Amino acid sequence: MLPLHHALIELGLLPHVESVRTTGANRLFPELETVRGKQGHAPSKWFGRYKTKKGITDPRKTFHSFRHTLIDDLRDAGVQDSLIKRIAGHEDGAVTFSIYGSRSPLKAMAEAMSQITL
């Protein structure tokens, strides 16, 4: 479970979720094909074409750069590493968090997400 950034709500993500639910699909973007076990292939390719159209030539600027930016922004906002890991979908290898404790800190994650500005 992960809280949504307010910008995604403003962009209409929740009506999209409801629309997808009515189709019986079990994924948020069911039209994305799985390539090598992942659904990010097509969006990554699209972003590569988009950045080329916009004149961005730096090979370090990839679709994955969004994840790096999110992590950097959360760290800059003073968010705890354990929350950053959860938000980014990374495992927290510490015994305390990986074995003990079963609740997701949704309130803390929502507060962390609210510190990210677009």
PDB file of N, CA and C in Angstrom:
ATOM      1  N   MET A   1       0.846  -1.179   0.000  1.00  0.00           N
ATOM      2  CA  MET A   1       0.000   0.000   0.000  1.00  0.00           C
ATOM      3  C   MET A   1       0.886   1.235   0.000  1.00  0.00           C
ATOM      4  N   LEU A   2       0.445   2.221  -0.762  1.00  0.00           N
ATOM      5  CA  LEU A   2       1.230   3.439  -0.907  1.00  0.00           C
ATOM      6  C   LEU A   2       0.284   4.622  -1.087  1.00  0.00           C
ATOM      7  N   PRO A   3       0.487   5.697  -0.340  1.00  0.00           N
ATOM      8  CA  PRO A   3      -0.367   6.879  -0.531  1.00  0.00           C
ATOM      9  C   PRO A   3      -0.061   7.534  -1.874  1.00  0.00           C
ATOM     10  N   LEU A   4      -1.054   8.192  -2.420  1.00  0.00           N
ATOM     11  CA  LEU A   4      -0.887   8.885  -3.698  1.00  0.00           C
ATOM     12  C   LEU A   4      -0.495  10.332  -3.464  1.00  0.00           C
ATOM     13  N   HIS A   5       0.362  10.815  -4.321  1.00  0.00           N
ATOM     14  CA  HIS A   5       0.683  12.242  -4.302  1.00  0.00           C
ATOM     15  C   HIS A   5      -0.553  12.996  -4.784  1.00  0.00           C
ATOM     16  N   HIS A   6      -0.804  14.158  -4.194  1.00  0.00           N
ATOM     17  CA  HIS A   6      -2.008  14.930  -4.531  1.00  0.00           C
ATOM     18  C   HIS A   6      -2.076  15.280  -6.022  1.00  0.00           C
ATOM     19  N   ALA A   7      -0.932  15.403  -6.679  1.00  0.00           N
ATOM     20  CA  ALA A   7      -0.938  15.737  -8.114  1.00  0.00           C
ATOM     21  C   ALA A   7      -1.567  14.614  -8.941  1.00  0.00           C
ATOM     22  N   LEU A   8      -1.359  13.371  -8.542  1.00  0.00           N
ATOM     23  CA  LEU A   8      -1.965  12.247  -9.267  1.00  0.00           C
ATOM     24  C   LEU A   8      -3.480  12.250  -9.098  1.00  0.00           C
ATOM     25  N   ILE A   9      -3.928  12.615  -7.920  1.00  0.00           N
ATOM     26  CA  ILE A   9      -5.372  12.712  -7.685  1.00  0.00           C
ATOM     27  C   ILE A   9      -5.962  13.828  -8.535  1.00  0.00           C
ATOM     28  N   GLU A  10      -5.273  14.975  -8.566  1.00  0.00           N
ATOM     29  CA  GLU A  10      -5.741  16.108  -9.372  1.00  0.00           C
ATOM     30  C   GLU A  10      -5.755  15.778 -10.866  1.00  0.00           C
ATOM     31  N   LEU A  11      -4.862  14.916 -11.296  1.00  0.00           N
ATOM     32  CA  LEU A  11      -4.803  14.525 -12.706  1.00  0.00           C
ATOM     33  C   LEU A  11      -5.868  13.495 -13.083  1.00  0.00           C
ATOM     34  N   GLY A  12      -6.625  13.019 -12.085  1.00  0.00           N
ATOM     35  CA  GLY A  12      -7.732  12.106 -12.371  1.00  0.00           C
ATOM     36  C   GLY A  12      -7.417  10.634 -12.241  1.00  0.00           C
ATOM     37  N   LEU A  13      -6.428  10.286 -11.433  1.00  0.00           N
ATOM     38  CA  LEU A  13      -6.080   8.875 -11.287  1.00  0.00           C
ATOM     39  C   LEU A  13      -7.217   8.063 -10.661  1.00  0.00           C
ATOM     40  N   LEU A  14      -7.922   8.620  -9.682  1.00  0.00           N
ATOM     41  CA  LEU A  14      -8.966   7.839  -9.001  1.00  0.00           C
ATOM     42  C   LEU A  14     -10.117   7.451  -9.933  1.00  0.00           C
ATOM     43  N   PRO A  15     -10.618   8.359 -10.784  1.00  0.00           N
ATOM     44  CA  PRO A  15     -11.638   7.917 -11.748  1.00  0.00           C
ATOM     45  C   PRO A  15     -11.101   6.842 -12.706  1.00  0.00           C
ATOM     46  N   HIS A  16      -9.823   6.942 -13.055  1.00  0.00           N
ATOM     47  CA  HIS A  16      -9.219   5.914 -13.911  1.00  0.00           C
ATOM     48  C   HIS A  16      -9.240   4.559 -13.199  1.00  0.00           C
ATOM     49  N   VAL A  17      -8.899   4.562 -11.907  1.00  0.00           N
ATOM     50  CA  VAL A  17      -8.894   3.328 -11.126  1.00  0.00           C
ATOM     51  C   VAL A  17     -10.290   2.706 -11.142  1.00  0.00           C
ATOM     52  N   GLU A  18     -11.290   3.518 -10.897  1.00  0.00           N
ATOM     53  CA  GLU A  18     -12.671   3.012 -10.884  1.00  0.00           C
ATOM     54  C   GLU A  18     -13.070   2.480 -12.253  1.00  0.00           C
ATOM     55  N   SER A  19     -12.669   3.177 -13.313  1.00  0.00           N
ATOM     56  CA  SER A  19     -12.975   2.731 -14.667  1.00  0.00           C
ATOM     57  C   SER A  19     -12.340   1.373 -14.956  1.00  0.00           C
ATOM     58  N   VAL A  20     -11.097   1.203 -14.556  1.00  0.00           N
ATOM     59  CA  VAL A  20     -10.403  -0.071 -14.774  1.00  0.00           C
ATOM     60  C   VAL A  20     -11.057  -1.174 -13.954  1.00  0.00           C
ATOM     61  N   ARG A  21     -11.464  -0.855 -12.731  1.00  0.00           N
ATOM     62  CA  ARG A  21     -12.118  -1.864 -11.877  1.00  0.00           C
ATOM     63  C   ARG A  21     -13.371  -2.424 -12.532  1.00  0.00           C
ATOM     64  N   THR A  22     -14.127  -1.550 -13.203  1.00  0.00           N
ATOM     65  CA  THR A  22     -15.380  -2.010 -13.815  1.00  0.00           C
ATOM     66  C   THR A  22     -15.138  -2.999 -14.947  1.00  0.00           C
ATOM     67  N   THR A  23     -13.937  -3.009 -15.507  1.00  0.00           N
ATOM     68  CA  THR A  23     -13.618  -3.961 -16.584  1.00  0.00           C
ATOM     69  C   THR A  23     -13.203  -5.318 -16.041  1.00  0.00           C
ATOM     70  N   GLY A  24     -12.940  -5.383 -14.732  1.00  0.00           N
ATOM     71  CA  GLY A  24     -12.494  -6.632 -14.134  1.00  0.00           C
ATOM     72  C   GLY A  24     -10.986  -6.836 -14.220  1.00  0.00           C
ATOM     73  N   ALA A  25     -10.274  -5.855 -14.754  1.00  0.00           N
ATOM     74  CA  ALA A  25      -8.818  -5.973 -14.860  1.00  0.00           C
ATOM     75  C   ALA A  25      -8.199  -5.981 -13.472  1.00  0.00           C
ATOM     76  N   ASN A  26      -7.069  -6.639 -13.334  1.00  0.00           N
ATOM     77  CA  ASN A  26      -6.413  -6.704 -12.024  1.00  0.00           C
ATOM     78  C   ASN A  26      -5.153  -5.844 -11.958  1.00  0.00           C
ATOM     79  N   ARG A  27      -4.926  -5.007 -12.979  1.00  0.00           N
ATOM     80  CA  ARG A  27      -3.781  -4.090 -12.990  1.00  0.00           C
ATOM     81  C   ARG A  27      -4.281  -2.691 -13.344  1.00  0.00           C
ATOM     82  N   LEU A  28      -3.580  -1.680 -12.871  1.00  0.00           N
ATOM     83  CA  LEU A  28      -3.979  -0.290 -13.085  1.00  0.00           C
ATOM     84  C   LEU A  28      -3.919   0.107 -14.558  1.00  0.00           C
ATOM     85  N   PHE A  29      -2.927  -0.412 -15.270  1.00  0.00           N
ATOM     86  CA  PHE A  29      -2.799  -0.132 -16.700  1.00  0.00           C
ATOM     87  C   PHE A  29      -2.755  -1.465 -17.447  1.00  0.00           C
ATOM     88  N   PRO A  30      -3.909  -2.088 -17.630  1.00  0.00           N
ATOM     89  CA  PRO A  30      -3.943  -3.435 -18.203  1.00  0.00           C
ATOM     90  C   PRO A  30      -3.459  -3.494 -19.652  1.00  0.00           C
ATOM     91  N   GLU A  31      -3.422  -2.362 -20.322  1.00  0.00           N
ATOM     92  CA  GLU A  31      -2.983  -2.359 -21.719  1.00  0.00           C
ATOM     93  C   GLU A  31      -1.468  -2.518 -21.878  1.00  0.00           C
ATOM     94  N   LEU A  32      -0.728  -2.380 -20.792  1.00  0.00           N
ATOM     95  CA  LEU A  32       0.725  -2.535 -20.855  1.00  0.00           C
ATOM     96  C   LEU A  32       1.083  -4.014 -20.931  1.00  0.00           C
ATOM     97  N   GLU A  33       1.832  -4.365 -21.956  1.00  0.00           N
ATOM     98  CA  GLU A  33       2.267  -5.747 -22.109  1.00  0.00           C
ATOM     99  C   GLU A  33       3.450  -6.035 -21.183  1.00  0.00           C
ATOM    100  N   THR A  34       3.511  -7.256 -20.737  1.00  0.00           N
ATOM    101  CA  THR A  34       4.628  -7.686 -19.909  1.00  0.00           C
ATOM    102  C   THR A  34       5.779  -8.100 -20.820  1.00  0.00           C
ATOM    103  N   VAL A  35       6.946  -7.501 -20.600  1.00  0.00           N
ATOM    104  CA  VAL A  35       8.153  -7.843 -21.348  1.00  0.00           C
ATOM    105  C   VAL A  35       9.210  -8.252 -20.330  1.00  0.00           C
ATOM    106  N   ARG A  36       9.693  -9.467 -20.448  1.00  0.00           N
ATOM    107  CA  ARG A  36      10.669 -10.005 -19.502  1.00  0.00           C
ATOM    108  C   ARG A  36      10.195  -9.843 -18.050  1.00  0.00           C
ATOM    109  N   GLY A  37       8.914 -10.087 -17.828  1.00  0.00           N
ATOM    110  CA  GLY A  37       8.355 -10.062 -16.487  1.00  0.00           C
ATOM    111  C   GLY A  37       8.015  -8.689 -15.939  1.00  0.00           C
ATOM    112  N   LYS A  38       8.144  -7.644 -16.755  1.00  0.00           N
ATOM    113  CA  LYS A  38       7.909  -6.273 -16.265  1.00  0.00           C
ATOM    114  C   LYS A  38       6.977  -5.526 -17.216  1.00  0.00           C
ATOM    115  N   GLN A  39       6.210  -4.587 -16.636  1.00  0.00           N
ATOM    116  CA  GLN A  39       5.297  -3.773 -17.449  1.00  0.00           C
ATOM    117  C   GLN A  39       5.890  -2.418 -17.826  1.00  0.00           C
ATOM    118  N   GLY A  40       7.115  -2.110 -17.427  1.00  0.00           N
ATOM    119  CA  GLY A  40       7.707  -0.803 -17.689  1.00  0.00           C
ATOM    120  C   GLY A  40       8.370  -0.656 -19.042  1.00  0.00           C
ATOM    121  N   HIS A  41       8.400  -1.717 -19.848  1.00  0.00           N
ATOM    122  CA  HIS A  41       9.101  -1.662 -21.133  1.00  0.00           C
ATOM    123  C   HIS A  41       8.518  -0.590 -22.063  1.00  0.00           C
ATOM    124  N   ALA A  42       7.222  -0.646 -22.310  1.00  0.00           N
ATOM    125  CA  ALA A  42       6.593   0.311 -23.236  1.00  0.00           C
ATOM    126  C   ALA A  42       6.685   1.753 -22.731  1.00  0.00           C
ATOM    127  N   PRO A  43       6.403   2.027 -21.439  1.00  0.00           N
ATOM    128  CA  PRO A  43       6.557   3.411 -20.977  1.00  0.00           C
ATOM    129  C   PRO A  43       8.001   3.903 -21.093  1.00  0.00           C
ATOM    130  N   SER A  44       8.953   3.027 -20.854  1.00  0.00           N
ATOM    131  CA  SER A  44      10.353   3.406 -20.964  1.00  0.00           C
ATOM    132  C   SER A  44      10.705   3.775 -22.403  1.00  0.00           C
ATOM    133  N   LYS A  45      10.239   2.965 -23.335  1.00  0.00           N
ATOM    134  CA  LYS A  45      10.484   3.253 -24.760  1.00  0.00           C
ATOM    135  C   LYS A  45       9.821   4.566 -25.154  1.00  0.00           C
ATOM    136  N   TRP A  46       8.571   4.778 -24.690  1.00  0.00           N
ATOM    137  CA  TRP A  46       7.869   6.017 -25.001  1.00  0.00           C
ATOM    138  C   TRP A  46       8.655   7.212 -24.477  1.00  0.00           C
ATOM    139  N   PHE A  47       9.151   7.104 -23.229  1.00  0.00           N
ATOM    140  CA  PHE A  47       9.892   8.217 -22.649  1.00  0.00           C
ATOM    141  C   PHE A  47      11.165   8.494 -23.436  1.00  0.00           C
ATOM    142  N   GLY A  48      11.835   7.452 -23.907  1.00  0.00           N
ATOM    143  CA  GLY A  48      13.034   7.639 -24.717  1.00  0.00           C
ATOM    144  C   GLY A  48      12.742   8.445 -25.970  1.00  0.00           C
ATOM    145  N   ARG A  49      11.633   8.132 -26.631  1.00  0.00           N
ATOM    146  CA  ARG A  49      11.244   8.893 -27.837  1.00  0.00           C
ATOM    147  C   ARG A  49      10.848  10.332 -27.474  1.00  0.00           C
ATOM    148  N   TYR A  50      10.130  10.491 -26.366  1.00  0.00           N
ATOM    149  CA  TYR A  50       9.680  11.811 -25.926  1.00  0.00           C
ATOM    150  C   TYR A  50      10.872  12.711 -25.607  1.00  0.00           C
ATOM    151  N   LYS A  51      11.843  12.206 -24.860  1.00  0.00           N
ATOM    152  CA  LYS A  51      12.988  13.041 -24.492  1.00  0.00           C
ATOM    153  C   LYS A  51      13.805  13.410 -25.722  1.00  0.00           C
ATOM    154  N   THR A  52      13.866  12.522 -26.709  1.00  0.00           N
ATOM    155  CA  THR A  52      14.566  12.835 -27.954  1.00  0.00           C
ATOM    156  C   THR A  52      13.861  13.984 -28.668  1.00  0.00           C
ATOM    157  N   LYS A  53      12.521  13.935 -28.726  1.00  0.00           N
ATOM    158  CA  LYS A  53      11.749  15.022 -29.348  1.00  0.00           C
ATOM    159  C   LYS A  53      11.981  16.348 -28.642  1.00  0.00           C
ATOM    160  N   LYS A  54      12.177  16.296 -27.329  1.00  0.00           N
ATOM    161  CA  LYS A  54      12.386  17.510 -26.543  1.00  0.00           C
ATOM    162  C   LYS A  54      13.842  17.967 -26.552  1.00  0.00           C
ATOM    163  N   GLY A  55      14.702  17.245 -27.257  1.00  0.00           N
ATOM    164  CA  GLY A  55      16.099  17.658 -27.379  1.00  0.00           C
ATOM    165  C   GLY A  55      16.982  17.257 -26.210  1.00  0.00           C
ATOM    166  N   ILE A  56      16.524  16.352 -25.388  1.00  0.00           N
ATOM    167  CA  ILE A  56      17.323  15.884 -24.255  1.00  0.00           C
ATOM    168  C   ILE A  56      18.221  14.760 -24.765  1.00  0.00           C
ATOM    169  N   THR A  57      19.525  14.999 -24.717  1.00  0.00           N
ATOM    170  CA  THR A  57      20.470  14.028 -25.269  1.00  0.00           C
ATOM    171  C   THR A  57      21.322  13.337 -24.215  1.00  0.00           C
ATOM    172  N   ASP A  58      21.235  13.751 -22.978  1.00  0.00           N
ATOM    173  CA  ASP A  58      22.028  13.164 -21.915  1.00  0.00           C
ATOM    174  C   ASP A  58      21.610  11.706 -21.718  1.00  0.00           C
ATOM    175  N   PRO A  59      22.506  10.739 -21.976  1.00  0.00           N
ATOM    176  CA  PRO A  59      22.131   9.328 -21.854  1.00  0.00           C
ATOM    177  C   PRO A  59      21.821   8.906 -20.417  1.00  0.00           C
ATOM    178  N   ARG A  60      22.191   9.726 -19.442  1.00  0.00           N
ATOM    179  CA  ARG A  60      21.888   9.409 -18.037  1.00  0.00           C
ATOM    180  C   ARG A  60      20.447   9.740 -17.681  1.00  0.00           C
ATOM    181  N   LYS A  61      19.769  10.494 -18.520  1.00  0.00           N
ATOM    182  CA  LYS A  61      18.371  10.848 -18.272  1.00  0.00           C
ATOM    183  C   LYS A  61      17.484   9.780 -18.897  1.00  0.00           C
ATOM    184  N   THR A  62      17.039   8.856 -18.059  1.00  0.00           N
ATOM    185  CA  THR A  62      16.227   7.738 -18.537  1.00  0.00           C
ATOM    186  C   THR A  62      14.901   7.712 -17.776  1.00  0.00           C
ATOM    187  N   PHE A  63      14.054   6.791 -18.153  1.00  0.00           N
ATOM    188  CA  PHE A  63      12.779   6.620 -17.471  1.00  0.00           C
ATOM    189  C   PHE A  63      13.011   6.347 -15.979  1.00  0.00           C
ATOM    190  N   HIS A  64      14.080   5.626 -15.675  1.00  0.00           N
ATOM    191  CA  HIS A  64      14.415   5.291 -14.290  1.00  0.00           C
ATOM    192  C   HIS A  64      14.870   6.523 -13.500  1.00  0.00           C
ATOM    193  N   SER A  65      15.203   7.611 -14.193  1.00  0.00           N
ATOM    194  CA  SER A  65      15.637   8.837 -13.519  1.00  0.00           C
ATOM    195  C   SER A  65      14.551   9.390 -12.601  1.00  0.00           C
ATOM    196  N   PHE A  66      13.285   9.127 -12.925  1.00  0.00           N
ATOM    197  CA  PHE A  66      12.195   9.601 -12.071  1.00  0.00           C
ATOM    198  C   PHE A  66      12.306   8.997 -10.672  1.00  0.00           C
ATOM    199  N   ARG A  67      12.674   7.713 -10.607  1.00  0.00           N
ATOM    200  CA  ARG A  67      12.830   7.055  -9.310  1.00  0.00           C
ATOM    201  C   ARG A  67      13.985   7.687  -8.532  1.00  0.00           C
ATOM    202  N   HIS A  68      15.092   7.954  -9.223  1.00  0.00           N
ATOM    203  CA  HIS A  68      16.235   8.597  -8.572  1.00  0.00           C
ATOM    204  C   HIS A  68      15.853   9.978  -8.034  1.00  0.00           C
ATOM    205  N   THR A  69      15.114  10.732  -8.843  1.00  0.00           N
ATOM    206  CA  THR A  69      14.701  12.078  -8.433  1.00  0.00           C
ATOM    207  C   THR A  69      13.783  12.014  -7.215  1.00  0.00           C
ATOM    208  N   LEU A  70      12.843  11.088  -7.224  1.00  0.00           N
ATOM    209  CA  LEU A  70      11.941  10.927  -6.073  1.00  0.00           C
ATOM    210  C   LEU A  70      12.742  10.644  -4.806  1.00  0.00           C
ATOM    211  N   ILE A  71      13.666   9.716  -4.894  1.00  0.00           N
ATOM    212  CA  ILE A  71      14.467   9.359  -3.723  1.00  0.00           C
ATOM    213  C   ILE A  71      15.298  10.550  -3.257  1.00  0.00           C
ATOM    214  N   ASP A  72      15.908  11.262  -4.196  1.00  0.00           N
ATOM    215  CA  ASP A  72      16.688  12.449  -3.830  1.00  0.00           C
ATOM    216  C   ASP A  72      15.816  13.511  -3.177  1.00  0.00           C
ATOM    217  N   ASP A  73      14.624  13.747  -3.750  1.00  0.00           N
ATOM    218  CA  ASP A  73      13.725  14.766  -3.196  1.00  0.00           C
ATOM    219  C   ASP A  73      13.243  14.395  -1.797  1.00  0.00           C
ATOM    220  N   LEU A  74      12.927  13.121  -1.590  1.00  0.00           N
ATOM    221  CA  LEU A  74      12.500  12.680  -0.258  1.00  0.00           C
ATOM    222  C   LEU A  74      13.642  12.828   0.744  1.00  0.00           C
ATOM    223  N   ARG A  75      14.831  12.463   0.325  1.00  0.00           N
ATOM    224  CA  ARG A  75      15.992  12.602   1.224  1.00  0.00           C
ATOM    225  C   ARG A  75      16.222  14.068   1.547  1.00  0.00           C
ATOM    226  N   ASP A  76      16.155  14.942   0.530  1.00  0.00           N
ATOM    227  CA  ASP A  76      16.347  16.374   0.745  1.00  0.00           C
ATOM    228  C   ASP A  76      15.294  16.946   1.695  1.00  0.00           C
ATOM    229  N   ALA A  77      14.100  16.343   1.700  1.00  0.00           N
ATOM    230  CA  ALA A  77      13.019  16.811   2.577  1.00  0.00           C
ATOM    231  C   ALA A  77      13.166  16.255   3.996  1.00  0.00           C
ATOM    232  N   GLY A  78      14.211  15.471   4.226  1.00  0.00           N
ATOM    233  CA  GLY A  78      14.449  14.947   5.564  1.00  0.00           C
ATOM    234  C   GLY A  78      13.636  13.715   5.920  1.00  0.00           C
ATOM    235  N   VAL A  79      13.122  13.020   4.918  1.00  0.00           N
ATOM    236  CA  VAL A  79      12.319  11.821   5.166  1.00  0.00           C
ATOM    237  C   VAL A  79      13.238  10.678   5.596  1.00  0.00           C
ATOM    238  N   GLN A  80      12.780   9.896   6.549  1.00  0.00           N
ATOM    239  CA  GLN A  80      13.559   8.765   7.057  1.00  0.00           C
ATOM    240  C   GLN A  80      13.845   7.760   5.943  1.00  0.00           C
ATOM    241  N   ASP A  81      15.030   7.178   5.982  1.00  0.00           N
ATOM    242  CA  ASP A  81      15.414   6.187   4.966  1.00  0.00           C
ATOM    243  C   ASP A  81      14.430   5.027   4.882  1.00  0.00           C
ATOM    244  N   SER A  82      13.923   4.568   6.041  1.00  0.00           N
ATOM    245  CA  SER A  82      13.000   3.428   6.015  1.00  0.00           C
ATOM    246  C   SER A  82      11.717   3.776   5.256  1.00  0.00           C
ATOM    247  N   LEU A  83      11.250   5.024   5.360  1.00  0.00           N
ATOM    248  CA  LEU A  83      10.066   5.443   4.602  1.00  0.00           C
ATOM    249  C   LEU A  83      10.384   5.582   3.127  1.00  0.00           C
ATOM    250  N   ILE A  84      11.556   6.132   2.818  1.00  0.00           N
ATOM    251  CA  ILE A  84      11.963   6.274   1.416  1.00  0.00           C
ATOM    252  C   ILE A  84      11.995   4.900   0.756  1.00  0.00           C
ATOM    253  N   LYS A  85      12.552   3.915   1.439  1.00  0.00           N
ATOM    254  CA  LYS A  85      12.624   2.565   0.884  1.00  0.00           C
ATOM    255  C   LYS A  85      11.232   2.016   0.607  1.00  0.00           C
ATOM    256  N   ARG A  86      10.319   2.204   1.538  1.00  0.00           N
ATOM    257  CA  ARG A  86       8.953   1.709   1.327  1.00  0.00           C
ATOM    258  C   ARG A  86       8.277   2.409   0.158  1.00  0.00           C
ATOM    259  N   ILE A  87       8.415   3.721   0.080  1.00  0.00           N
ATOM    260  CA  ILE A  87       7.782   4.484  -0.995  1.00  0.00           C
ATOM    261  C   ILE A  87       8.348   4.074  -2.356  1.00  0.00           C
ATOM    262  N   ALA A  88       9.661   3.847  -2.402  1.00  0.00           N
ATOM    263  CA  ALA A  88      10.310   3.471  -3.661  1.00  0.00           C
ATOM    264  C   ALA A  88      10.116   1.999  -4.011  1.00  0.00           C
ATOM    265  N   GLY A  89       9.540   1.234  -3.086  1.00  0.00           N
ATOM    266  CA  GLY A  89       9.312  -0.175  -3.348  1.00  0.00           C
ATOM    267  C   GLY A  89      10.523  -1.045  -3.090  1.00  0.00           C
ATOM    268  N   HIS A  90      11.458  -0.554  -2.295  1.00  0.00           N
ATOM    269  CA  HIS A  90      12.649  -1.323  -1.944  1.00  0.00           C
ATOM    270  C   HIS A  90      12.453  -2.011  -0.608  1.00  0.00           C
ATOM    271  N   GLU A  91      13.075  -3.151  -0.465  1.00  0.00           N
ATOM    272  CA  GLU A  91      13.034  -3.868   0.802  1.00  0.00           C
ATOM    273  C   GLU A  91      13.906  -3.145   1.816  1.00  0.00           C
ATOM    274  N   ASP A  92      13.471  -3.126   3.054  1.00  0.00           N
ATOM    275  CA  ASP A  92      14.304  -2.613   4.132  1.00  0.00           C
ATOM    276  C   ASP A  92      14.947  -3.823   4.785  1.00  0.00           C
ATOM    277  N   GLY A  93      16.233  -4.002   4.566  1.00  0.00           N
ATOM    278  CA  GLY A  93      16.930  -5.193   5.017  1.00  0.00           C
ATOM    279  C   GLY A  93      17.115  -5.315   6.508  1.00  0.00           C
ATOM    280  N   ALA A  94      16.838  -4.294   7.267  1.00  0.00           N
ATOM    281  CA  ALA A  94      17.026  -4.372   8.711  1.00  0.00           C
ATOM    282  C   ALA A  94      16.020  -5.351   9.315  1.00  0.00           C
ATOM    283  N   VAL A  95      16.486  -6.160  10.244  1.00  0.00           N
ATOM    284  CA  VAL A  95      15.631  -7.161  10.876  1.00  0.00           C
ATOM    285  C   VAL A  95      14.401  -6.519  11.497  1.00  0.00           C
ATOM    286  N   THR A  96      14.586  -5.386  12.116  1.00  0.00           N
ATOM    287  CA  THR A  96      13.478  -4.715  12.797  1.00  0.00           C
ATOM    288  C   THR A  96      12.294  -4.498  11.868  1.00  0.00           C
ATOM    289  N   PHE A  97      12.552  -4.076  10.635  1.00  0.00           N
ATOM    290  CA  PHE A  97      11.452  -3.734   9.736  1.00  0.00           C
ATOM    291  C   PHE A  97      11.075  -4.869   8.791  1.00  0.00           C
ATOM    292  N   SER A  98      11.993  -5.780   8.506  1.00  0.00           N
ATOM    293  CA  SER A  98      11.668  -6.833   7.551  1.00  0.00           C
ATOM    294  C   SER A  98      11.000  -8.035   8.209  1.00  0.00           C
ATOM    295  N   ILE A  99      11.200  -8.230   9.504  1.00  0.00           N
ATOM    296  CA  ILE A  99      10.596  -9.377  10.185  1.00  0.00           C
ATOM    297  C   ILE A  99       9.493  -8.925  11.131  1.00  0.00           C
ATOM    298  N   TYR A 100       9.781  -7.907  11.935  1.00  0.00           N
ATOM    299  CA  TYR A 100       8.824  -7.446  12.940  1.00  0.00           C
ATOM    300  C   TYR A 100       8.043  -6.255  12.415  1.00  0.00           C
ATOM    301  N   GLY A 101       6.850  -6.124  12.891  1.00  0.00           N
ATOM    302  CA  GLY A 101       6.003  -5.001  12.459  1.00  0.00           C
ATOM    303  C   GLY A 101       5.314  -5.359  11.162  1.00  0.00           C
ATOM    304  N   SER A 102       4.011  -5.205  11.132  1.00  0.00           N
ATOM    305  CA  SER A 102       3.264  -5.593   9.933  1.00  0.00           C
ATOM    306  C   SER A 102       2.468  -4.453   9.329  1.00  0.00           C
ATOM    307  N   ARG A 103       2.353  -3.351  10.041  1.00  0.00           N
ATOM    308  CA  ARG A 103       1.585  -2.225   9.508  1.00  0.00           C
ATOM    309  C   ARG A 103       2.446  -1.400   8.571  1.00  0.00           C
ATOM    310  N   SER A 104       1.839  -0.933   7.497  1.00  0.00           N
ATOM    311  CA  SER A 104       2.521   0.032   6.645  1.00  0.00           C
ATOM    312  C   SER A 104       2.304   1.405   7.262  1.00  0.00           C
ATOM    313  N   PRO A 105       3.338   2.201   7.372  1.00  0.00           N
ATOM    314  CA  PRO A 105       3.189   3.525   7.983  1.00  0.00           C
ATOM    315  C   PRO A 105       2.577   4.519   6.989  1.00  0.00           C
ATOM    316  N   LEU A 106       1.310   4.285   6.635  1.00  0.00           N
ATOM    317  CA  LEU A 106       0.663   5.083   5.589  1.00  0.00           C
ATOM    318  C   LEU A 106       0.632   6.566   5.916  1.00  0.00           C
ATOM    319  N   LYS A 107       0.333   6.900   7.171  1.00  0.00           N
ATOM    320  CA  LYS A 107       0.256   8.311   7.542  1.00  0.00           C
ATOM    321  C   LYS A 107       1.617   8.982   7.340  1.00  0.00           C
ATOM    322  N   ALA A 108       2.684   8.333   7.783  1.00  0.00           N
ATOM    323  CA  ALA A 108       4.031   8.889   7.627  1.00  0.00           C
ATOM    324  C   ALA A 108       4.422   8.953   6.154  1.00  0.00           C
ATOM    325  N   MET A 109       4.046   7.935   5.377  1.00  0.00           N
ATOM    326  CA  MET A 109       4.367   7.955   3.947  1.00  0.00           C
ATOM    327  C   MET A 109       3.593   9.058   3.236  1.00  0.00           C
ATOM    328  N   ALA A 110       2.337   9.266   3.625  1.00  0.00           N
ATOM    329  CA  ALA A 110       1.543  10.338   3.020  1.00  0.00           C
ATOM    330  C   ALA A 110       2.157  11.697   3.323  1.00  0.00           C
ATOM    331  N   GLU A 111       2.601  11.871   4.554  1.00  0.00           N
ATOM    332  CA  GLU A 111       3.267  13.135   4.918  1.00  0.00           C
ATOM    333  C   GLU A 111       4.535  13.315   4.096  1.00  0.00           C
ATOM    334  N   ALA A 112       5.289  12.248   3.926  1.00  0.00           N
ATOM    335  CA  ALA A 112       6.519  12.324   3.125  1.00  0.00           C
ATOM    336  C   ALA A 112       6.189  12.707   1.679  1.00  0.00           C
ATOM    337  N   MET A 113       5.160  12.078   1.107  1.00  0.00           N
ATOM    338  CA  MET A 113       4.777  12.376  -0.289  1.00  0.00           C
ATOM    339  C   MET A 113       4.324  13.818  -0.429  1.00  0.00           C
ATOM    340  N   SER A 114       3.689  14.348   0.608  1.00  0.00           N
ATOM    341  CA  SER A 114       3.188  15.731   0.520  1.00  0.00           C
ATOM    342  C   SER A 114       4.324  16.746   0.476  1.00  0.00           C
ATOM    343  N   GLN A 115       5.531  16.322   0.847  1.00  0.00           N
ATOM    344  CA  GLN A 115       6.680  17.232   0.832  1.00  0.00           C
ATOM    345  C   GLN A 115       7.313  17.347  -0.554  1.00  0.00           C
ATOM    346  N   ILE A 116       6.885  16.506  -1.478  1.00  0.00           N
ATOM    347  CA  ILE A 116       7.417  16.542  -2.841  1.00  0.00           C
ATOM    348  C   ILE A 116       6.576  17.526  -3.646  1.00  0.00           C
ATOM    349  N   THR A 117       7.236  18.502  -4.243  1.00  0.00           N
ATOM    350  CA  THR A 117       6.535  19.463  -5.075  1.00  0.00           C
ATOM    351  C   THR A 117       6.864  19.217  -6.536  1.00  0.00           C
ATOM    352  N   LEU A 118       5.917  19.502  -7.375  1.00  0.00           N
ATOM    353  CA  LEU A 118       6.110  19.301  -8.815  1.00  0.00           C
ATOM    354  C   LEU A 118       6.349  20.617  -9.521  1.00  0.00           C
TER     355      LEU A 118
END
